[in-house]
Amino acid sequence: NSSKAPRLHLHTLAPKSYVTLEHNGQDIHINKNEIFGYQLA
């Protein structure tokens, strides 16, 4: 709603089993095996 684009942290340098999504002012952890992919701006 604040017209702020979401940001995705892939954790490639220090690999983790999840990605972190900054969305609506919150950090959301989503397991990598629960998403197909993402679209850049």
PDB file of all heavy atoms in Angstrom:
ATOM      1  N   ASN A   1       0.807  -1.228   0.000  1.00  0.00           N
ATOM      2  CA  ASN A   1       0.000   0.000   0.000  1.00  0.00           C
ATOM      3  C   ASN A   1       0.835   1.271   0.000  1.00  0.00           C
ATOM      4  O   ASN A   1       0.399   2.295  -0.502  1.00  0.00           O
ATOM      5  CB  ASN A   1      -0.938   0.010   1.219  1.00  0.00           C
ATOM      6  CG  ASN A   1      -1.922  -1.134   1.157  1.00  0.00           C
ATOM      7  OD1 ASN A   1      -2.232  -1.632   0.083  1.00  0.00           O
ATOM      8  ND2 ASN A   1      -2.403  -1.564   2.312  1.00  0.00           N
ATOM      9  N   SER A   2       2.022   1.231   0.549  1.00  0.00           N
ATOM     10  CA  SER A   2       2.863   2.422   0.608  1.00  0.00           C
ATOM     11  C   SER A   2       3.642   2.620  -0.691  1.00  0.00           C
ATOM     12  O   SER A   2       4.507   3.472  -0.762  1.00  0.00           O
ATOM     13  CB  SER A   2       3.848   2.326   1.783  1.00  0.00           C
ATOM     14  OG  SER A   2       4.778   1.293   1.529  1.00  0.00           O
ATOM     15  N   SER A   3       3.300   1.842  -1.694  1.00  0.00           N
ATOM     16  CA  SER A   3       3.934   1.848  -3.016  1.00  0.00           C
ATOM     17  C   SER A   3       5.434   1.574  -2.934  1.00  0.00           C
ATOM     18  O   SER A   3       6.203   1.993  -3.776  1.00  0.00           O
ATOM     19  CB  SER A   3       3.661   3.153  -3.767  1.00  0.00           C
ATOM     20  OG  SER A   3       4.374   4.234  -3.208  1.00  0.00           O
ATOM     21  N   LYS A   4       5.834   0.865  -1.898  1.00  0.00           N
ATOM     22  CA  LYS A   4       7.218   0.460  -1.745  1.00  0.00           C
ATOM     23  C   LYS A   4       7.375  -0.952  -2.325  1.00  0.00           C
ATOM     24  O   LYS A   4       6.642  -1.862  -1.961  1.00  0.00           O
ATOM     25  CB  LYS A   4       7.615   0.472  -0.271  1.00  0.00           C
ATOM     26  CG  LYS A   4       9.063   0.196  -0.027  1.00  0.00           C
ATOM     27  CD  LYS A   4       9.394   0.315   1.447  1.00  0.00           C
ATOM     28  CE  LYS A   4      10.846  -0.035   1.681  1.00  0.00           C
ATOM     29  NZ  LYS A   4      11.160  -0.023   3.103  1.00  0.00           N
ATOM     30  N   ALA A   5       8.333  -1.099  -3.235  1.00  0.00           N
ATOM     31  CA  ALA A   5       8.541  -2.398  -3.869  1.00  0.00           C
ATOM     32  C   ALA A   5       9.086  -3.398  -2.846  1.00  0.00           C
ATOM     33  O   ALA A   5       9.933  -3.056  -2.027  1.00  0.00           O
ATOM     34  CB  ALA A   5       9.527  -2.269  -5.027  1.00  0.00           C
ATOM     35  N   PRO A   6       8.595  -4.639  -2.893  1.00  0.00           N
ATOM     36  CA  PRO A   6       9.130  -5.654  -1.987  1.00  0.00           C
ATOM     37  C   PRO A   6      10.594  -5.939  -2.314  1.00  0.00           C
ATOM     38  O   PRO A   6      11.034  -5.750  -3.447  1.00  0.00           O
ATOM     39  CB  PRO A   6       8.272  -6.884  -2.262  1.00  0.00           C
ATOM     40  CG  PRO A   6       7.285  -6.522  -3.288  1.00  0.00           C
ATOM     41  CD  PRO A   6       7.546  -5.154  -3.759  1.00  0.00           C
ATOM     42  N   ARG A   7      11.341  -6.366  -1.316  1.00  0.00           N
ATOM     43  CA  ARG A   7      12.742  -6.748  -1.508  1.00  0.00           C
ATOM     44  C   ARG A   7      12.897  -8.205  -1.095  1.00  0.00           C
ATOM     45  O   ARG A   7      12.324  -8.643  -0.101  1.00  0.00           O
ATOM     46  CB  ARG A   7      13.666  -5.875  -0.670  1.00  0.00           C
ATOM     47  CG  ARG A   7      13.760  -4.464  -1.166  1.00  0.00           C
ATOM     48  CD  ARG A   7      14.863  -3.728  -0.400  1.00  0.00           C
ATOM     49  NE  ARG A   7      14.996  -2.372  -0.866  1.00  0.00           N
ATOM     50  CZ  ARG A   7      15.804  -1.975  -1.846  1.00  0.00           C
ATOM     51  NH1 ARG A   7      16.535  -2.861  -2.460  1.00  0.00           N
ATOM     52  NH2 ARG A   7      15.877  -0.726  -2.198  1.00  0.00           N
ATOM     53  N   LEU A   8      13.696  -8.902  -1.863  1.00  0.00           N
ATOM     54  CA  LEU A   8      13.917 -10.316  -1.621  1.00  0.00           C
ATOM     55  C   LEU A   8      15.384 -10.548  -1.281  1.00  0.00           C
ATOM     56  O   LEU A   8      16.271 -10.113  -2.009  1.00  0.00           O
ATOM     57  CB  LEU A   8      13.547 -11.124  -2.870  1.00  0.00           C
ATOM     58  CG  LEU A   8      13.592 -12.632  -2.753  1.00  0.00           C
ATOM     59  CD1 LEU A   8      12.517 -13.129  -1.792  1.00  0.00           C
ATOM     60  CD2 LEU A   8      13.404 -13.263  -4.115  1.00  0.00           C
ATOM     61  N   HIS A   9      15.634 -11.199  -0.169  1.00  0.00           N
ATOM     62  CA  HIS A   9      16.984 -11.590   0.243  1.00  0.00           C
ATOM     63  C   HIS A   9      17.105 -13.092  -0.012  1.00  0.00           C
ATOM     64  O   HIS A   9      16.401 -13.888   0.601  1.00  0.00           O
ATOM     65  CB  HIS A   9      17.210 -11.296   1.731  1.00  0.00           C
ATOM     66  CG  HIS A   9      17.075  -9.851   2.085  1.00  0.00           C
ATOM     67  ND1 HIS A   9      18.131  -8.984   2.055  1.00  0.00           N
ATOM     68  CD2 HIS A   9      15.993  -9.119   2.452  1.00  0.00           C
ATOM     69  CE1 HIS A   9      17.717  -7.774   2.397  1.00  0.00           C
ATOM     70  NE2 HIS A   9      16.421  -7.829   2.638  1.00  0.00           N
ATOM     71  N   LEU A  10      18.010 -13.460  -0.904  1.00  0.00           N
ATOM     72  CA  LEU A  10      18.150 -14.863  -1.292  1.00  0.00           C
ATOM     73  C   LEU A  10      19.084 -15.657  -0.392  1.00  0.00           C
ATOM     74  O   LEU A  10      19.081 -16.879  -0.425  1.00  0.00           O
ATOM     75  CB  LEU A  10      18.649 -14.953  -2.735  1.00  0.00           C
ATOM     76  CG  LEU A  10      17.693 -14.376  -3.772  1.00  0.00           C
ATOM     77  CD1 LEU A  10      18.368 -14.291  -5.125  1.00  0.00           C
ATOM     78  CD2 LEU A  10      16.433 -15.217  -3.844  1.00  0.00           C
ATOM     79  N   HIS A  11      19.903 -14.969   0.392  1.00  0.00           N
ATOM     80  CA  HIS A  11      20.865 -15.619   1.286  1.00  0.00           C
ATOM     81  C   HIS A  11      21.783 -16.557   0.503  1.00  0.00           C
ATOM     82  O   HIS A  11      21.930 -17.730   0.837  1.00  0.00           O
ATOM     83  CB  HIS A  11      20.163 -16.378   2.410  1.00  0.00           C
ATOM     84  CG  HIS A  11      19.212 -15.552   3.202  1.00  0.00           C
ATOM     85  ND1 HIS A  11      19.625 -14.514   4.015  1.00  0.00           N
ATOM     86  CD2 HIS A  11      17.855 -15.568   3.284  1.00  0.00           C
ATOM     87  CE1 HIS A  11      18.561 -13.950   4.577  1.00  0.00           C
ATOM     88  NE2 HIS A  11      17.487 -14.558   4.142  1.00  0.00           N
ATOM     89  N   THR A  12      22.416 -16.022  -0.550  1.00  0.00           N
ATOM     90  CA  THR A  12      23.321 -16.845  -1.354  1.00  0.00           C
ATOM     91  C   THR A  12      24.741 -16.866  -0.798  1.00  0.00           C
ATOM     92  O   THR A  12      25.451 -17.841  -0.996  1.00  0.00           O
ATOM     93  CB  THR A  12      23.367 -16.339  -2.814  1.00  0.00           C
ATOM     94  OG1 THR A  12      23.699 -14.956  -2.806  1.00  0.00           O
ATOM     95  CG2 THR A  12      22.044 -16.544  -3.506  1.00  0.00           C
ATOM     96  N   LEU A  13      25.142 -15.813  -0.132  1.00  0.00           N
ATOM     97  CA  LEU A  13      26.505 -15.765   0.406  1.00  0.00           C
ATOM     98  C   LEU A  13      26.653 -16.622   1.652  1.00  0.00           C
ATOM     99  O   LEU A  13      27.675 -17.266   1.855  1.00  0.00           O
ATOM    100  CB  LEU A  13      26.910 -14.321   0.695  1.00  0.00           C
ATOM    101  CG  LEU A  13      26.917 -13.411  -0.538  1.00  0.00           C
ATOM    102  CD1 LEU A  13      27.173 -11.970  -0.149  1.00  0.00           C
ATOM    103  CD2 LEU A  13      27.952 -13.893  -1.529  1.00  0.00           C
ATOM    104  N   ALA A  14      25.655 -16.617   2.487  1.00  0.00           N
ATOM    105  CA  ALA A  14      25.590 -17.496   3.650  1.00  0.00           C
ATOM    106  C   ALA A  14      24.296 -18.292   3.478  1.00  0.00           C
ATOM    107  O   ALA A  14      23.241 -17.910   3.974  1.00  0.00           O
ATOM    108  CB  ALA A  14      25.564 -16.697   4.935  1.00  0.00           C
ATOM    109  N   PRO A  15      24.345 -19.381   2.702  1.00  0.00           N
ATOM    110  CA  PRO A  15      23.136 -20.101   2.298  1.00  0.00           C
ATOM    111  C   PRO A  15      22.237 -20.513   3.463  1.00  0.00           C
ATOM    112  O   PRO A  15      22.700 -20.974   4.497  1.00  0.00           O
ATOM    113  CB  PRO A  15      23.681 -21.327   1.572  1.00  0.00           C
ATOM    114  CG  PRO A  15      25.046 -20.943   1.131  1.00  0.00           C
ATOM    115  CD  PRO A  15      25.554 -20.004   2.185  1.00  0.00           C
ATOM    116  N   LYS A  16      20.961 -20.279   3.245  1.00  0.00           N
ATOM    117  CA  LYS A  16      19.923 -20.691   4.195  1.00  0.00           C
ATOM    118  C   LYS A  16      18.850 -21.427   3.415  1.00  0.00           C
ATOM    119  O   LYS A  16      18.775 -21.335   2.203  1.00  0.00           O
ATOM    120  CB  LYS A  16      19.335 -19.465   4.896  1.00  0.00           C
ATOM    121  CG  LYS A  16      20.368 -18.734   5.737  1.00  0.00           C
ATOM    122  CD  LYS A  16      19.772 -17.568   6.475  1.00  0.00           C
ATOM    123  CE  LYS A  16      20.881 -16.927   7.312  1.00  0.00           C
ATOM    124  NZ  LYS A  16      20.494 -15.710   7.920  1.00  0.00           N
ATOM    125  N   SER A  17      17.986 -22.128   4.114  1.00  0.00           N
ATOM    126  CA  SER A  17      16.932 -22.905   3.454  1.00  0.00           C
ATOM    127  C   SER A  17      15.716 -22.051   3.127  1.00  0.00           C
ATOM    128  O   SER A  17      14.736 -22.552   2.601  1.00  0.00           O
ATOM    129  CB  SER A  17      16.518 -24.079   4.339  1.00  0.00           C
ATOM    130  OG  SER A  17      15.988 -23.592   5.565  1.00  0.00           O
ATOM    131  N   TYR A  18      15.794 -20.773   3.423  1.00  0.00           N
ATOM    132  CA  TYR A  18      14.659 -19.883   3.169  1.00  0.00           C
ATOM    133  C   TYR A  18      15.136 -18.586   2.534  1.00  0.00           C
ATOM    134  O   TYR A  18      16.321 -18.276   2.520  1.00  0.00           O
ATOM    135  CB  TYR A  18      13.914 -19.574   4.478  1.00  0.00           C
ATOM    136  CG  TYR A  18      14.769 -18.898   5.523  1.00  0.00           C
ATOM    137  CD1 TYR A  18      14.915 -17.515   5.547  1.00  0.00           C
ATOM    138  CD2 TYR A  18      15.432 -19.645   6.482  1.00  0.00           C
ATOM    139  CE1 TYR A  18      15.696 -16.885   6.503  1.00  0.00           C
ATOM    140  CE2 TYR A  18      16.230 -19.029   7.441  1.00  0.00           C
ATOM    141  CZ  TYR A  18      16.348 -17.655   7.452  1.00  0.00           C
ATOM    142  OH  TYR A  18      17.135 -17.045   8.388  1.00  0.00           O
ATOM    143  N   VAL A  19      14.176 -17.847   1.983  1.00  0.00           N
ATOM    144  CA  VAL A  19      14.419 -16.489   1.510  1.00  0.00           C
ATOM    145  C   VAL A  19      13.722 -15.559   2.487  1.00  0.00           C
ATOM    146  O   VAL A  19      12.794 -15.966   3.198  1.00  0.00           O
ATOM    147  CB  VAL A  19      13.885 -16.257   0.073  1.00  0.00           C
ATOM    148  CG1 VAL A  19      14.612 -17.140  -0.922  1.00  0.00           C
ATOM    149  CG2 VAL A  19      12.383 -16.465  -0.007  1.00  0.00           C
ATOM    150  N   THR A  20      14.164 -14.324   2.559  1.00  0.00           N
ATOM    151  CA  THR A  20      13.513 -13.330   3.403  1.00  0.00           C
ATOM    152  C   THR A  20      12.907 -12.279   2.488  1.00  0.00           C
ATOM    153  O   THR A  20      13.590 -11.713   1.641  1.00  0.00           O
ATOM    154  CB  THR A  20      14.503 -12.673   4.372  1.00  0.00           C
ATOM    155  OG1 THR A  20      15.112 -13.703   5.167  1.00  0.00           O
ATOM    156  CG2 THR A  20      13.796 -11.690   5.296  1.00  0.00           C
ATOM    157  N   LEU A  21      11.633 -12.041   2.670  1.00  0.00           N
ATOM    158  CA  LEU A  21      10.900 -11.091   1.850  1.00  0.00           C
ATOM    159  C   LEU A  21      10.506  -9.902   2.716  1.00  0.00           C
ATOM    160  O   LEU A  21       9.838 -10.080   3.742  1.00  0.00           O
ATOM    161  CB  LEU A  21       9.655 -11.772   1.277  1.00  0.00           C
ATOM    162  CG  LEU A  21       8.782 -10.972   0.347  1.00  0.00           C
ATOM    163  CD1 LEU A  21       9.508 -10.700  -0.967  1.00  0.00           C
ATOM    164  CD2 LEU A  21       7.496 -11.720   0.071  1.00  0.00           C
ATOM    165  N   GLU A  22      10.959  -8.699   2.334  1.00  0.00           N
ATOM    166  CA  GLU A  22      10.524  -7.474   3.008  1.00  0.00           C
ATOM    167  C   GLU A  22       9.251  -7.015   2.308  1.00  0.00           C
ATOM    168  O   GLU A  22       9.296  -6.586   1.153  1.00  0.00           O
ATOM    169  CB  GLU A  22      11.590  -6.388   2.889  1.00  0.00           C
ATOM    170  CG  GLU A  22      12.830  -6.624   3.691  1.00  0.00           C
ATOM    171  CD  GLU A  22      13.848  -5.511   3.506  1.00  0.00           C
ATOM    172  OE1 GLU A  22      13.478  -4.384   3.121  1.00  0.00           O
ATOM    173  OE2 GLU A  22      15.034  -5.786   3.726  1.00  0.00           O
ATOM    174  N   HIS A  23       8.125  -7.120   2.994  1.00  0.00           N
ATOM    175  CA  HIS A  23       6.836  -6.800   2.389  1.00  0.00           C
ATOM    176  C   HIS A  23       5.932  -6.145   3.437  1.00  0.00           C
ATOM    177  O   HIS A  23       5.784  -6.661   4.538  1.00  0.00           O
ATOM    178  CB  HIS A  23       6.185  -8.086   1.854  1.00  0.00           C
ATOM    179  CG  HIS A  23       4.918  -7.855   1.110  1.00  0.00           C
ATOM    180  ND1 HIS A  23       3.691  -8.048   1.667  1.00  0.00           N
ATOM    181  CD2 HIS A  23       4.701  -7.442  -0.158  1.00  0.00           C
ATOM    182  CE1 HIS A  23       2.763  -7.774   0.779  1.00  0.00           C
ATOM    183  NE2 HIS A  23       3.358  -7.399  -0.336  1.00  0.00           N
ATOM    184  N   ASN A  24       5.350  -5.014   3.094  1.00  0.00           N
ATOM    185  CA  ASN A  24       4.472  -4.269   4.012  1.00  0.00           C
ATOM    186  C   ASN A  24       5.161  -3.993   5.347  1.00  0.00           C
ATOM    187  O   ASN A  24       4.551  -4.090   6.409  1.00  0.00           O
ATOM    188  CB  ASN A  24       3.159  -5.014   4.255  1.00  0.00           C
ATOM    189  CG  ASN A  24       2.216  -4.926   3.083  1.00  0.00           C
ATOM    190  OD1 ASN A  24       2.274  -3.990   2.287  1.00  0.00           O
ATOM    191  ND2 ASN A  24       1.345  -5.910   2.953  1.00  0.00           N
ATOM    192  N   GLY A  25       6.441  -3.700   5.298  1.00  0.00           N
ATOM    193  CA  GLY A  25       7.178  -3.363   6.516  1.00  0.00           C
ATOM    194  C   GLY A  25       7.536  -4.542   7.386  1.00  0.00           C
ATOM    195  O   GLY A  25       8.025  -4.361   8.498  1.00  0.00           O
ATOM    196  N   GLN A  26       7.288  -5.749   6.921  1.00  0.00           N
ATOM    197  CA  GLN A  26       7.605  -6.939   7.709  1.00  0.00           C
ATOM    198  C   GLN A  26       8.593  -7.824   6.953  1.00  0.00           C
ATOM    199  O   GLN A  26       8.605  -7.852   5.725  1.00  0.00           O
ATOM    200  CB  GLN A  26       6.343  -7.760   7.983  1.00  0.00           C
ATOM    201  CG  GLN A  26       5.321  -7.066   8.836  1.00  0.00           C
ATOM    202  CD  GLN A  26       4.118  -7.966   9.057  1.00  0.00           C
ATOM    203  OE1 GLN A  26       3.713  -8.716   8.182  1.00  0.00           O
ATOM    204  NE2 GLN A  26       3.551  -7.884  10.252  1.00  0.00           N
ATOM    205  N   ASP A  27       9.388  -8.562   7.705  1.00  0.00           N
ATOM    206  CA  ASP A  27      10.258  -9.575   7.121  1.00  0.00           C
ATOM    207  C   ASP A  27       9.546 -10.916   7.205  1.00  0.00           C
ATOM    208  O   ASP A  27       9.159 -11.359   8.299  1.00  0.00           O
ATOM    209  CB  ASP A  27      11.594  -9.665   7.867  1.00  0.00           C
ATOM    210  CG  ASP A  27      12.520  -8.509   7.546  1.00  0.00           C
ATOM    211  OD1 ASP A  27      12.235  -7.753   6.590  1.00  0.00           O
ATOM    212  OD2 ASP A  27      13.539  -8.357   8.251  1.00  0.00           O
ATOM    213  N   ILE A  28       9.352 -11.545   6.056  1.00  0.00           N
ATOM    214  CA  ILE A  28       8.664 -12.831   5.975  1.00  0.00           C
ATOM    215  C   ILE A  28       9.675 -13.867   5.497  1.00  0.00           C
ATOM    216  O   ILE A  28      10.336 -13.668   4.476  1.00  0.00           O
ATOM    217  CB  ILE A  28       7.479 -12.755   4.991  1.00  0.00           C
ATOM    218  CG1 ILE A  28       6.509 -11.653   5.415  1.00  0.00           C
ATOM    219  CG2 ILE A  28       6.775 -14.096   4.885  1.00  0.00           C
ATOM    220  CD1 ILE A  28       5.491 -11.294   4.351  1.00  0.00           C
ATOM    221  N   HIS A  29       9.796 -14.971   6.221  1.00  0.00           N
ATOM    222  CA  HIS A  29      10.671 -16.071   5.815  1.00  0.00           C
ATOM    223  C   HIS A  29       9.832 -17.100   5.072  1.00  0.00           C
ATOM    224  O   HIS A  29       8.816 -17.558   5.573  1.00  0.00           O
ATOM    225  CB  HIS A  29      11.342 -16.734   7.023  1.00  0.00           C
ATOM    226  CG  HIS A  29      12.251 -15.813   7.777  1.00  0.00           C
ATOM    227  ND1 HIS A  29      13.389 -15.266   7.218  1.00  0.00           N
ATOM    228  CD2 HIS A  29      12.196 -15.340   9.037  1.00  0.00           C
ATOM    229  CE1 HIS A  29      13.979 -14.496   8.108  1.00  0.00           C
ATOM    230  NE2 HIS A  29      13.277 -14.522   9.226  1.00  0.00           N
ATOM    231  N   ILE A  30      10.279 -17.454   3.874  1.00  0.00           N
ATOM    232  CA  ILE A  30       9.586 -18.459   3.061  1.00  0.00           C
ATOM    233  C   ILE A  30      10.619 -19.505   2.669  1.00  0.00           C
ATOM    234  O   ILE A  30      11.681 -19.169   2.140  1.00  0.00           O
ATOM    235  CB  ILE A  30       8.975 -17.826   1.790  1.00  0.00           C
ATOM    236  CG1 ILE A  30       8.028 -16.684   2.158  1.00  0.00           C
ATOM    237  CG2 ILE A  30       8.240 -18.881   0.974  1.00  0.00           C
ATOM    238  CD1 ILE A  30       7.545 -15.868   0.968  1.00  0.00           C
ATOM    239  N   ASN A  31      10.310 -20.765   2.922  1.00  0.00           N
ATOM    240  CA  ASN A  31      11.225 -21.838   2.543  1.00  0.00           C
ATOM    241  C   ASN A  31      11.439 -21.821   1.037  1.00  0.00           C
ATOM    242  O   ASN A  31      10.487 -21.641   0.279  1.00  0.00           O
ATOM    243  CB  ASN A  31      10.678 -23.205   2.964  1.00  0.00           C
ATOM    244  CG  ASN A  31      10.816 -23.430   4.447  1.00  0.00           C
ATOM    245  OD1 ASN A  31      11.715 -22.891   5.087  1.00  0.00           O
ATOM    246  ND2 ASN A  31       9.913 -24.223   5.006  1.00  0.00           N
ATOM    247  N   LYS A  32      12.680 -22.019   0.621  1.00  0.00           N
ATOM    248  CA  LYS A  32      13.002 -21.983  -0.803  1.00  0.00           C
ATOM    249  C   LYS A  32      12.240 -23.046  -1.591  1.00  0.00           C
ATOM    250  O   LYS A  32      11.901 -22.840  -2.741  1.00  0.00           O
ATOM    251  CB  LYS A  32      14.511 -22.149  -1.012  1.00  0.00           C
ATOM    252  CG  LYS A  32      15.298 -20.933  -0.594  1.00  0.00           C
ATOM    253  CD  LYS A  32      16.782 -21.119  -0.818  1.00  0.00           C
ATOM    254  CE  LYS A  32      17.540 -19.875  -0.392  1.00  0.00           C
ATOM    255  NZ  LYS A  32      18.990 -20.046  -0.528  1.00  0.00           N
ATOM    256  N   ASN A  33      11.949 -24.177  -0.957  1.00  0.00           N
ATOM    257  CA  ASN A  33      11.223 -25.223  -1.671  1.00  0.00           C
ATOM    258  C   ASN A  33       9.721 -24.942  -1.765  1.00  0.00           C
ATOM    259  O   ASN A  33       8.981 -25.730  -2.343  1.00  0.00           O
ATOM    260  CB  ASN A  33      11.487 -26.600  -1.045  1.00  0.00           C
ATOM    261  CG  ASN A  33      11.017 -26.689   0.384  1.00  0.00           C
ATOM    262  OD1 ASN A  33      10.466 -25.739   0.951  1.00  0.00           O
ATOM    263  ND2 ASN A  33      11.261 -27.825   1.001  1.00  0.00           N
ATOM    264  N   GLU A  34       9.265 -23.811  -1.212  1.00  0.00           N
ATOM    265  CA  GLU A  34       7.853 -23.436  -1.287  1.00  0.00           C
ATOM    266  C   GLU A  34       7.576 -22.350  -2.329  1.00  0.00           C
ATOM    267  O   GLU A  34       6.445 -21.886  -2.446  1.00  0.00           O
ATOM    268  CB  GLU A  34       7.355 -22.949   0.078  1.00  0.00           C
ATOM    269  CG  GLU A  34       7.316 -24.043   1.122  1.00  0.00           C
ATOM    270  CD  GLU A  34       6.876 -23.519   2.480  1.00  0.00           C
ATOM    271  OE1 GLU A  34       6.528 -22.327   2.595  1.00  0.00           O
ATOM    272  OE2 GLU A  34       6.885 -24.321   3.426  1.00  0.00           O
ATOM    273  N   ILE A  35       8.616 -21.944  -3.071  1.00  0.00           N
ATOM    274  CA  ILE A  35       8.397 -20.952  -4.124  1.00  0.00           C
ATOM    275  C   ILE A  35       9.030 -21.450  -5.418  1.00  0.00           C
ATOM    276  O   ILE A  35       9.999 -22.199  -5.411  1.00  0.00           O
ATOM    277  CB  ILE A  35       8.952 -19.555  -3.769  1.00  0.00           C
ATOM    278  CG1 ILE A  35      10.471 -19.559  -3.635  1.00  0.00           C
ATOM    279  CG2 ILE A  35       8.304 -19.006  -2.531  1.00  0.00           C
ATOM    280  CD1 ILE A  35      11.067 -18.169  -3.487  1.00  0.00           C
ATOM    281  N   PHE A  36       8.432 -21.047  -6.529  1.00  0.00           N
ATOM    282  CA  PHE A  36       8.998 -21.367  -7.837  1.00  0.00           C
ATOM    283  C   PHE A  36      10.064 -20.343  -8.203  1.00  0.00           C
ATOM    284  O   PHE A  36      11.147 -20.691  -8.634  1.00  0.00           O
ATOM    285  CB  PHE A  36       7.892 -21.382  -8.897  1.00  0.00           C
ATOM    286  CG  PHE A  36       8.418 -21.542 -10.300  1.00  0.00           C
ATOM    287  CD1 PHE A  36       8.849 -22.766 -10.755  1.00  0.00           C
ATOM    288  CD2 PHE A  36       8.480 -20.454 -11.148  1.00  0.00           C
ATOM    289  CE1 PHE A  36       9.346 -22.915 -12.043  1.00  0.00           C
ATOM    290  CE2 PHE A  36       8.972 -20.583 -12.439  1.00  0.00           C
ATOM    291  CZ  PHE A  36       9.407 -21.824 -12.886  1.00  0.00           C
ATOM    292  N   GLY A  37       9.726 -19.059  -8.044  1.00  0.00           N
ATOM    293  CA  GLY A  37      10.675 -18.036  -8.428  1.00  0.00           C
ATOM    294  C   GLY A  37      10.190 -16.643  -8.099  1.00  0.00           C
ATOM    295  O   GLY A  37       9.215 -16.459  -7.367  1.00  0.00           O
ATOM    296  N   TYR A  38      10.852 -15.657  -8.679  1.00  0.00           N
ATOM    297  CA  TYR A  38      10.519 -14.257  -8.425  1.00  0.00           C
ATOM    298  C   TYR A  38      10.690 -13.459  -9.705  1.00  0.00           C
ATOM    299  O   TYR A  38      11.396 -13.876 -10.630  1.00  0.00           O
ATOM    300  CB  TYR A  38      11.406 -13.680  -7.317  1.00  0.00           C
ATOM    301  CG  TYR A  38      12.884 -13.772  -7.575  1.00  0.00           C
ATOM    302  CD1 TYR A  38      13.576 -12.733  -8.207  1.00  0.00           C
ATOM    303  CD2 TYR A  38      13.606 -14.897  -7.196  1.00  0.00           C
ATOM    304  CE1 TYR A  38      14.932 -12.824  -8.441  1.00  0.00           C
ATOM    305  CE2 TYR A  38      14.965 -14.995  -7.432  1.00  0.00           C
ATOM    306  CZ  TYR A  38      15.624 -13.954  -8.053  1.00  0.00           C
ATOM    307  OH  TYR A  38      16.969 -14.040  -8.298  1.00  0.00           O
ATOM    308  N   GLN A  39      10.014 -12.317  -9.761  1.00  0.00           N
ATOM    309  CA  GLN A  39      10.122 -11.427 -10.910  1.00  0.00           C
ATOM    310  C   GLN A  39      10.750 -10.123 -10.476  1.00  0.00           C
ATOM    311  O   GLN A  39      10.296  -9.494  -9.521  1.00  0.00           O
ATOM    312  CB  GLN A  39       8.744 -11.165 -11.514  1.00  0.00           C
ATOM    313  CG  GLN A  39       8.801 -10.290 -12.749  1.00  0.00           C
ATOM    314  CD  GLN A  39       7.463 -10.201 -13.435  1.00  0.00           C
ATOM    315  OE1 GLN A  39       6.786 -11.198 -13.601  1.00  0.00           O
ATOM    316  NE2 GLN A  39       7.073  -9.007 -13.825  1.00  0.00           N
ATOM    317  N   LEU A  40      11.805  -9.730 -11.174  1.00  0.00           N
ATOM    318  CA  LEU A  40      12.461  -8.456 -10.897  1.00  0.00           C
ATOM    319  C   LEU A  40      11.631  -7.306 -11.444  1.00  0.00           C
ATOM    320  O   LEU A  40      10.736  -7.508 -12.266  1.00  0.00           O
ATOM    321  CB  LEU A  40      13.850  -8.420 -11.538  1.00  0.00           C
ATOM    322  CG  LEU A  40      14.881  -9.413 -11.014  1.00  0.00           C
ATOM    323  CD1 LEU A  40      16.183  -9.272 -11.796  1.00  0.00           C
ATOM    324  CD2 LEU A  40      15.129  -9.218  -9.535  1.00  0.00           C
ATOM    325  N   ALA A  41      11.963  -6.101 -11.013  1.00  0.00           N
ATOM    326  CA  ALA A  41      11.247  -4.908 -11.466  1.00  0.00           C
ATOM    327  C   ALA A  41      11.351  -4.728 -12.979  1.00  0.00           C
ATOM    328  O   ALA A  41      10.443  -4.178 -13.600  1.00  0.00           O
ATOM    329  CB  ALA A  41      11.775  -3.673 -10.742  1.00  0.00           C
TER     330      ALA A  41
END
